[in-house]
Amino acid sequence: MPAKSKKQQMAAGAALAAKRGKRSKSSLKGASRGMYKSMSKQELRRMAKTKRKKLPTKKRR
């Protein structure tokens, strides 16, 4: 599933880096920590590779 905002896309990228071992788990905060625990590498990759050009900065409620 693609990311719905730039913040979500960046959080997915951080979580994916931690899953791959390129970043420590303890450096994750907020949404990226939740994504790390609940999503697989494949799901994180799909979300992180979303193009940011037309995404809003924050997701509207």
Protein backbone atom coordinates (compact mmCIF):
# COMPACT_ATOMS: atom_id res chain seq x y z
CA MET A 1 0.00 0.00 0.00
CA PRO A 2 1.41 3.41 -0.89
CA ALA A 3 2.02 6.13 1.70
CA LYS A 4 -0.64 8.81 2.09
CA SER A 5 1.69 11.61 3.22
CA LYS A 6 5.35 12.63 3.18
CA LYS A 7 5.65 12.07 6.93
CA GLN A 8 4.26 8.54 6.59
CA GLN A 9 6.66 7.79 3.74
CA MET A 10 9.66 9.00 5.76
CA ALA A 11 8.59 7.02 8.84
CA ALA A 12 8.33 3.88 6.70
CA GLY A 13 11.84 4.52 5.36
CA ALA A 14 13.25 4.83 8.87
CA ALA A 15 11.52 1.63 10.00
CA LEU A 16 12.77 -0.20 6.92
CA ALA A 17 16.35 0.93 7.61
CA ALA A 18 16.05 -0.47 11.13
CA LYS A 19 14.68 -3.79 9.83
CA ARG A 20 17.66 -4.03 7.48
CA GLY A 21 20.08 -3.30 10.32
CA LYS A 22 21.32 0.02 8.92
CA ARG A 23 19.80 1.96 11.82
CA SER A 24 19.33 1.05 15.48
CA LYS A 25 15.89 0.11 16.78
CA SER A 26 16.33 2.43 19.75
CA SER A 27 16.61 5.46 17.44
CA LEU A 28 13.03 4.97 16.21
CA LYS A 29 10.27 7.07 17.72
CA GLY A 30 6.53 7.44 17.24
CA ALA A 31 5.04 6.12 14.02
CA SER A 32 8.26 4.57 12.75
CA ARG A 33 8.56 2.45 15.91
CA GLY A 34 4.99 1.21 15.48
CA MET A 35 5.61 0.42 11.82
CA TYR A 36 8.80 -1.47 12.72
CA LYS A 37 6.89 -3.74 15.09
CA SER A 38 3.75 -4.32 13.01
CA MET A 39 4.84 -4.42 9.36
CA SER A 40 6.97 -6.76 7.27
CA LYS A 41 9.98 -5.65 5.20
CA GLN A 42 7.94 -5.99 2.02
CA GLU A 43 5.10 -3.80 3.33
CA LEU A 44 7.57 -1.17 4.54
CA ARG A 45 9.38 -1.19 1.22
CA ARG A 46 6.13 -0.58 -0.70
CA MET A 47 5.26 2.32 1.57
CA ALA A 48 8.76 3.82 1.61
CA LYS A 49 9.18 3.77 -2.18
CA THR A 50 6.10 5.97 -2.75
CA LYS A 51 6.96 9.09 -4.76
CA ARG A 52 6.66 12.22 -2.61
CA LYS A 53 6.01 14.76 -5.35
CA LYS A 54 2.20 14.95 -5.06
CA LEU A 55 1.80 13.91 -1.42
CA PRO A 56 0.68 16.33 1.28
CA THR A 57 3.05 16.95 4.18
CA LYS A 58 0.54 15.64 6.71
CA LYS A 59 -2.42 13.35 6.24
CA ARG A 60 -5.77 15.06 6.71
CA ARG A 61 -8.18 13.59 9.21
